[in-house]
Amino acid sequence: MFAENSRQIGELVVLPIGLSTNAIRNIISPYVFLEKTEVSSILKKRNKFDHKGTFGHGLLVSGSIGKMGAAVLGTTAALRSGIGLITTHVPLCGLALLQSAVPEGMGTADKHETFITKIGSTVSFNAVGVGPGIGTNPETHEALFDLIKECKKPMVIDADGLNILSSNKSWLSLIHRDTILTPHPKEFERLAGKSENGYIRLMNQIEFAQNYGCIVILKGANTSIATPEGRVFFNTTGNPGMAKGGSGDTLTGIILSLLAQGYLPEQAAILGVYIHGLAGDIAVKELSYESVLASDIINCLAMAFTKLKEPV
């Protein structure tokens, strides 16, 4: 599961050797290697008379001048992942671009032309996503502080949202239990300090999730998901072609969508990470490691959901 061991380990395959499924489930261990059977059981079925209100309304706070692609990717990914309604709050300069790029989404404009300064009430939303492309302007710091302090809805924080938190670590105590943080290793290092190796980083991740009562998704190969209870789920989907700008924004949109639909934060983290990687695996079969874009991952979400529903 750790990068420094990759020279000694090739492809890891879990083979069935006839062990009792019930016995495996009853083994006490904090670590879970995610497989299709477990993840597919999380996926909710849709009913004939469901409507857009059934699948929630999410708020995505994203974008600043030069980084509006993050808002477009996150919004599109949320819609492709089943959310009923999404409103994306962007700086004034980005509203026209957002509305033309993603006509299925709704948008609100900040009073400032180029960055976020105020987010406003989240009462009418089922879940909130914040961070992709918002920058680290001092006024954006204030807007994020107000959001964390006042919002009690399930939330996913990514990218510049995490960088702002790293600069204001006293705010971490304000994070509520239904919050998901999605750092890559460098962002996690800023939040929790440097780690000498992958194992120590994992221990820091577990400790961080327990101390602050949140879910921490540490992105990378075999992305790890640490819960406040001390459990860790290692993902089994994804590939090096996904190591490209915008991939994280896509994951944020997927997780926001699942939270808005009523999935519990742990379920949203597990399903979101797995389906994101699965879409990347589908995309790379058609393209190549070098050529996959974040938008290709989004375009393959439909096939990923379909594949997840297929019998094991």
Protein backbone atom coordinates (compact mmCIF):
# COMPACT_ATOMS: atom_id res chain seq x y z
CA MET A 1 0.00 0.00 0.00
CA PHE A 2 3.02 2.32 0.33
CA ALA A 3 4.97 3.90 -2.53
CA GLU A 4 8.39 3.10 -1.10
CA ASN A 5 7.62 -0.63 -1.36
CA SER A 6 6.63 -0.54 -5.03
CA ARG A 7 10.02 -1.83 -6.23
CA GLN A 8 9.51 -5.04 -4.28
CA ILE A 9 5.84 -5.59 -5.12
CA GLY A 10 4.29 -6.00 -8.56
CA GLU A 11 0.59 -6.31 -9.23
CA LEU A 12 -1.38 -7.29 -6.13
CA VAL A 13 -4.20 -9.77 -6.73
CA VAL A 14 -6.52 -11.18 -4.06
CA LEU A 15 -7.37 -14.76 -5.03
CA PRO A 16 -10.24 -16.79 -3.55
CA ILE A 17 -8.85 -19.90 -1.85
CA GLY A 18 -12.04 -21.20 -0.29
CA LEU A 19 -11.94 -19.39 3.04
CA SER A 20 -15.28 -18.79 4.76
CA THR A 21 -16.69 -15.37 3.85
CA ASN A 22 -18.34 -15.11 7.27
CA ALA A 23 -15.09 -15.99 9.01
CA ILE A 24 -13.24 -13.27 7.09
CA ARG A 25 -15.91 -10.71 8.03
CA ASN A 26 -15.62 -11.69 11.70
CA ILE A 27 -11.86 -11.15 11.83
CA ILE A 28 -11.16 -8.03 13.87
CA SER A 29 -8.95 -5.66 11.86
CA PRO A 30 -9.01 -1.91 11.28
CA TYR A 31 -7.92 -2.42 7.65
CA VAL A 32 -10.20 -3.21 4.70
CA PHE A 33 -9.10 -3.83 1.10
CA LEU A 34 -12.07 -2.56 -0.92
CA GLU A 35 -13.57 -4.92 -3.46
CA LYS A 36 -16.52 -4.64 -5.81
CA THR A 37 -18.87 -6.75 -3.69
CA GLU A 38 -18.57 -4.48 -0.67
CA VAL A 39 -18.79 -1.25 -2.65
CA SER A 40 -21.73 -2.31 -4.83
CA SER A 41 -23.75 -3.12 -1.71
CA ILE A 42 -23.58 0.58 -0.76
CA LEU A 43 -25.14 1.78 -4.02
CA LYS A 44 -28.78 2.81 -3.59
CA LYS A 45 -31.51 1.70 -5.98
CA ARG A 46 -33.69 4.31 -7.65
CA ASN A 47 -37.49 4.05 -7.55
CA LYS A 48 -39.97 4.84 -10.30
CA PHE A 49 -41.50 7.86 -8.54
CA ASP A 50 -38.25 9.46 -7.37
CA HIS A 51 -37.68 13.04 -8.54
CA LYS A 52 -34.85 15.58 -8.47
CA GLY A 53 -35.73 16.57 -4.91
CA THR A 54 -35.18 12.97 -3.85
CA PHE A 55 -31.54 13.15 -4.84
CA GLY A 56 -30.61 16.30 -2.98
CA HIS A 57 -29.36 19.81 -3.60
CA GLY A 58 -25.64 20.41 -3.21
CA LEU A 59 -23.66 23.62 -2.90
CA LEU A 60 -20.19 23.71 -4.47
CA VAL A 61 -17.93 26.66 -3.62
CA SER A 62 -15.25 26.73 -6.27
CA GLY A 63 -13.17 28.79 -8.66
CA SER A 64 -11.23 32.03 -8.90
CA ILE A 65 -9.81 33.90 -11.85
CA GLY A 66 -7.68 31.48 -13.87
CA LYS A 67 -9.06 28.45 -12.02
CA MET A 68 -12.66 28.28 -13.20
CA GLY A 69 -12.03 24.88 -14.75
CA ALA A 70 -12.14 23.44 -11.21
CA ALA A 71 -15.71 24.69 -10.79
CA VAL A 72 -16.78 23.30 -14.16
CA LEU A 73 -15.23 19.88 -13.48
CA GLY A 74 -16.63 19.61 -9.96
CA THR A 75 -20.12 20.66 -11.03
CA THR A 76 -20.20 18.28 -14.00
CA ALA A 77 -18.88 15.38 -11.91
CA ALA A 78 -21.58 15.96 -9.29
CA LEU A 79 -24.30 15.88 -11.93
CA ARG A 80 -22.86 12.75 -13.55
CA SER A 81 -22.89 11.08 -10.12
CA GLY A 82 -26.62 11.42 -9.59
CA ILE A 83 -27.25 14.63 -7.67
CA GLY A 84 -30.71 16.12 -8.18
CA LEU A 85 -29.70 19.79 -8.10
CA ILE A 86 -26.42 21.63 -7.74
CA THR A 87 -25.66 25.29 -7.19
CA THR A 88 -22.07 26.43 -7.66
CA HIS A 89 -20.91 29.63 -5.99
CA VAL A 90 -18.18 31.31 -8.04
CA PRO A 91 -16.56 34.75 -8.33
CA LEU A 92 -18.39 37.19 -10.57
CA CYS A 93 -15.96 36.64 -13.46
CA GLY A 94 -16.85 32.94 -13.64
CA LEU A 95 -20.65 32.88 -13.65
CA ALA A 96 -21.19 33.22 -17.41
CA LEU A 97 -18.53 30.62 -18.13
CA LEU A 98 -20.05 28.17 -15.62
CA GLN A 99 -23.60 28.60 -16.96
CA SER A 100 -22.52 28.06 -20.55
CA ALA A 101 -20.21 25.12 -19.76
CA VAL A 102 -22.67 23.30 -17.46
CA PRO A 103 -26.24 24.33 -18.39
CA GLU A 104 -27.71 21.63 -16.12
CA GLY A 105 -26.25 23.32 -13.03
CA MET A 106 -27.23 26.54 -11.25
CA GLY A 107 -24.85 29.28 -10.22
CA THR A 108 -24.54 32.17 -7.82
CA ALA A 109 -21.97 34.93 -8.11
CA ASP A 110 -19.83 36.38 -5.37
CA LYS A 111 -19.76 40.16 -5.09
CA HIS A 112 -16.04 40.10 -5.91
CA GLU A 113 -14.93 39.89 -9.51
CA THR A 114 -12.06 37.42 -9.22
CA PHE A 115 -12.30 35.41 -5.95
CA ILE A 116 -14.67 34.23 -3.22
CA THR A 117 -15.36 36.60 -0.33
CA LYS A 118 -18.69 35.43 1.13
CA ILE A 119 -20.59 32.17 0.83
CA GLY A 120 -23.83 32.85 2.67
CA SER A 121 -26.39 30.53 4.22
CA THR A 122 -26.30 26.79 3.55
CA VAL A 123 -29.68 26.05 5.17
CA SER A 124 -31.40 25.12 1.89
CA PHE A 125 -28.70 22.64 0.82
CA ASN A 126 -28.26 18.97 1.70
CA ALA A 127 -24.46 19.00 1.45
CA VAL A 128 -21.58 21.37 0.73
CA GLY A 129 -18.30 21.03 -1.17
CA VAL A 130 -15.64 23.71 -0.92
CA GLY A 131 -12.08 24.31 -2.06
CA PRO A 132 -11.32 23.50 -5.70
CA GLY A 133 -9.69 26.50 -7.32
CA ILE A 134 -10.78 29.06 -4.71
CA GLY A 135 -7.27 30.40 -4.09
CA THR A 136 -5.95 31.62 -0.74
CA ASN A 137 -6.83 35.31 -0.70
CA PRO A 138 -7.30 36.66 2.88
CA GLU A 139 -10.97 37.40 2.21
CA THR A 140 -11.41 33.80 1.03
CA HIS A 141 -9.92 32.70 4.36
CA GLU A 142 -12.67 34.63 6.14
CA ALA A 143 -15.37 33.13 3.93
CA LEU A 144 -14.17 29.59 4.66
CA PHE A 145 -13.99 30.29 8.40
CA ASP A 146 -17.59 31.49 8.43
CA LEU A 147 -18.68 28.42 6.46
CA ILE A 148 -16.93 25.94 8.77
CA LYS A 149 -18.21 27.72 11.86
CA GLU A 150 -21.85 27.97 10.76
CA CYS A 151 -22.53 25.04 8.41
CA LYS A 152 -23.74 21.81 10.01
CA LYS A 153 -24.46 19.99 6.75
CA PRO A 154 -22.29 17.13 5.47
CA MET A 155 -19.25 18.71 3.85
CA VAL A 156 -16.27 17.82 1.69
CA ILE A 157 -13.20 20.10 1.80
CA ASP A 158 -10.49 19.88 -0.86
CA ALA A 159 -7.60 21.70 -2.52
CA ASP A 160 -7.31 25.38 -1.53
CA GLY A 161 -9.84 24.78 1.22
CA LEU A 162 -7.29 22.44 2.80
CA ASN A 163 -4.44 24.88 2.17
CA ILE A 164 -6.38 27.59 4.01
CA LEU A 165 -7.03 25.18 6.90
CA SER A 166 -3.31 24.42 7.03
CA SER A 167 -2.66 28.12 7.58
CA ASN A 168 -5.30 28.30 10.31
CA LYS A 169 -5.00 25.02 12.22
CA SER A 170 -7.02 26.29 15.18
CA TRP A 171 -10.06 26.06 12.88
CA LEU A 172 -9.72 22.28 12.74
CA SER A 173 -11.50 22.05 16.09
CA LEU A 174 -14.60 23.53 14.40
CA ILE A 175 -14.89 20.69 11.87
CA HIS A 176 -17.95 18.57 12.57
CA ARG A 177 -18.23 14.79 12.30
CA ASP A 178 -19.91 14.74 8.88
CA THR A 179 -16.89 16.37 7.21
CA ILE A 180 -14.64 14.69 4.65
CA LEU A 181 -11.14 16.02 3.90
CA THR A 182 -9.52 14.94 0.62
CA PRO A 183 -5.79 15.85 0.70
CA HIS A 184 -3.06 14.57 -1.55
CA PRO A 185 0.20 13.77 0.32
CA LYS A 186 1.61 17.32 0.16
CA GLU A 187 -1.67 18.84 1.37
CA PHE A 188 -1.79 16.30 4.19
CA GLU A 189 1.79 17.15 5.10
CA ARG A 190 0.77 20.80 5.48
CA LEU A 191 -2.13 19.76 7.69
CA ALA A 192 -0.48 17.11 9.87
CA GLY A 193 3.27 17.53 9.47
CA LYS A 194 5.91 15.56 7.58
CA SER A 195 6.04 11.76 7.63
CA GLU A 196 9.23 9.75 7.15
CA ASN A 197 7.51 6.96 5.24
CA GLY A 198 4.15 5.62 4.13
CA TYR A 199 3.47 3.69 7.33
CA ILE A 200 4.06 6.71 9.56
CA ARG A 201 1.90 8.80 7.22
CA LEU A 202 -0.89 6.25 7.60
CA MET A 203 -0.59 6.36 11.40
CA ASN A 204 -0.74 10.17 11.24
CA GLN A 205 -3.80 9.95 8.99
CA ILE A 206 -5.59 7.64 11.44
CA GLU A 207 -4.66 9.85 14.40
CA PHE A 208 -5.77 12.99 12.57
CA ALA A 209 -9.19 11.48 11.70
CA GLN A 210 -9.70 10.38 15.30
CA ASN A 211 -8.52 13.65 16.85
CA TYR A 212 -10.75 15.87 14.71
CA GLY A 213 -13.65 13.44 14.25
CA CYS A 214 -13.63 13.64 10.46
CA ILE A 215 -12.98 11.32 7.51
CA VAL A 216 -9.60 11.77 5.81
CA ILE A 217 -9.16 10.56 2.24
CA LEU A 218 -5.43 10.47 1.45
CA LYS A 219 -5.27 10.42 -2.32
CA GLY A 220 -2.80 8.40 -4.37
CA ALA A 221 -2.30 4.84 -5.55
CA ASN A 222 -4.46 2.67 -3.24
CA THR A 223 -6.08 5.82 -1.81
CA SER A 224 -6.68 5.32 1.93
CA ILE A 225 -9.84 6.40 3.74
CA ALA A 226 -9.48 6.85 7.52
CA THR A 227 -12.57 7.19 9.73
CA PRO A 228 -12.97 8.71 13.21
CA GLU A 229 -13.42 5.16 14.56
CA GLY A 230 -9.91 4.20 13.44
CA ARG A 231 -10.90 2.10 10.42
CA VAL A 232 -8.97 2.35 7.14
CA PHE A 233 -10.24 1.40 3.70
CA PHE A 234 -7.67 0.95 0.90
CA ASN A 235 -9.02 1.54 -2.60
CA THR A 236 -8.39 -0.96 -5.40
CA THR A 237 -9.32 1.11 -8.46
CA GLY A 238 -7.46 3.86 -10.30
CA ASN A 239 -4.23 4.17 -12.26
CA PRO A 240 -1.29 6.54 -12.95
CA GLY A 241 -3.15 8.16 -15.84
CA MET A 242 -5.32 9.93 -13.28
CA ALA A 243 -2.32 11.83 -11.91
CA LYS A 244 -3.26 15.05 -13.65
CA GLY A 245 -4.72 18.43 -12.74
CA GLY A 246 -8.49 18.37 -12.29
CA SER A 247 -8.75 14.76 -11.14
CA GLY A 248 -9.17 15.85 -7.52
CA ASP A 249 -11.82 18.41 -8.45
CA THR A 250 -13.73 15.58 -10.08
CA LEU A 251 -13.55 13.47 -6.91
CA THR A 252 -14.85 16.40 -4.86
CA GLY A 253 -17.87 16.72 -7.14
CA ILE A 254 -18.59 12.99 -6.91
CA ILE A 255 -18.41 12.93 -3.11
CA LEU A 256 -20.53 16.10 -2.82
CA SER A 257 -23.14 14.45 -5.03
CA LEU A 258 -23.26 11.32 -2.88
CA LEU A 259 -23.51 13.31 0.35
CA ALA A 260 -26.38 15.35 -1.09
CA GLN A 261 -28.17 12.14 -2.07
CA GLY A 262 -28.18 11.02 1.55
CA TYR A 263 -25.25 8.62 1.67
CA LEU A 264 -23.53 8.60 5.06
CA PRO A 265 -20.09 10.27 4.97
CA GLU A 266 -18.26 6.93 5.25
CA GLN A 267 -20.39 5.49 2.43
CA ALA A 268 -19.87 8.58 0.27
CA ALA A 269 -16.11 8.40 0.79
CA ILE A 270 -15.87 4.69 -0.05
CA LEU A 271 -18.23 4.79 -3.03
CA GLY A 272 -16.85 8.09 -4.30
CA VAL A 273 -13.21 7.00 -4.27
CA TYR A 274 -13.98 3.60 -5.80
CA ILE A 275 -16.23 4.90 -8.61
CA HIS A 276 -13.75 7.72 -9.38
CA GLY A 277 -10.94 5.19 -9.80
CA LEU A 278 -13.16 2.80 -11.76
CA ALA A 279 -14.05 5.58 -14.22
CA GLY A 280 -10.33 6.29 -14.58
CA ASP A 281 -9.66 2.62 -15.31
CA ILE A 282 -12.34 2.61 -18.00
CA ALA A 283 -10.95 5.81 -19.51
CA VAL A 284 -7.39 4.51 -19.72
CA LYS A 285 -8.50 1.45 -21.71
CA GLU A 286 -9.76 3.77 -24.45
CA LEU A 287 -6.88 6.25 -24.21
CA SER A 288 -3.52 5.83 -22.45
CA TYR A 289 -1.88 6.76 -19.17
CA GLU A 290 -0.46 9.86 -20.82
CA SER A 291 -3.70 11.02 -22.43
CA VAL A 292 -6.41 10.70 -19.75
CA LEU A 293 -7.94 14.03 -18.72
CA ALA A 294 -10.17 14.77 -15.74
CA SER A 295 -13.02 15.34 -18.18
CA ASP A 296 -12.44 11.80 -19.52
CA ILE A 297 -12.96 10.46 -16.00
CA ILE A 298 -16.27 12.33 -15.82
CA ASN A 299 -17.32 11.01 -19.23
CA CYS A 300 -16.71 7.45 -18.02
CA LEU A 301 -18.72 7.77 -14.80
CA ALA A 302 -21.84 6.42 -16.49
CA MET A 303 -20.01 3.24 -17.51
CA ALA A 304 -18.46 2.97 -14.05
CA PHE A 305 -21.86 3.05 -12.32
CA THR A 306 -23.17 0.51 -14.81
CA LYS A 307 -20.20 -1.79 -14.21
CA LEU A 308 -20.63 -1.52 -10.45
CA LYS A 309 -24.23 -2.73 -10.79
CA GLU A 310 -23.25 -5.82 -12.78
CA PRO A 311 -23.26 -9.15 -10.88
CA VAL A 312 -19.92 -10.11 -9.37
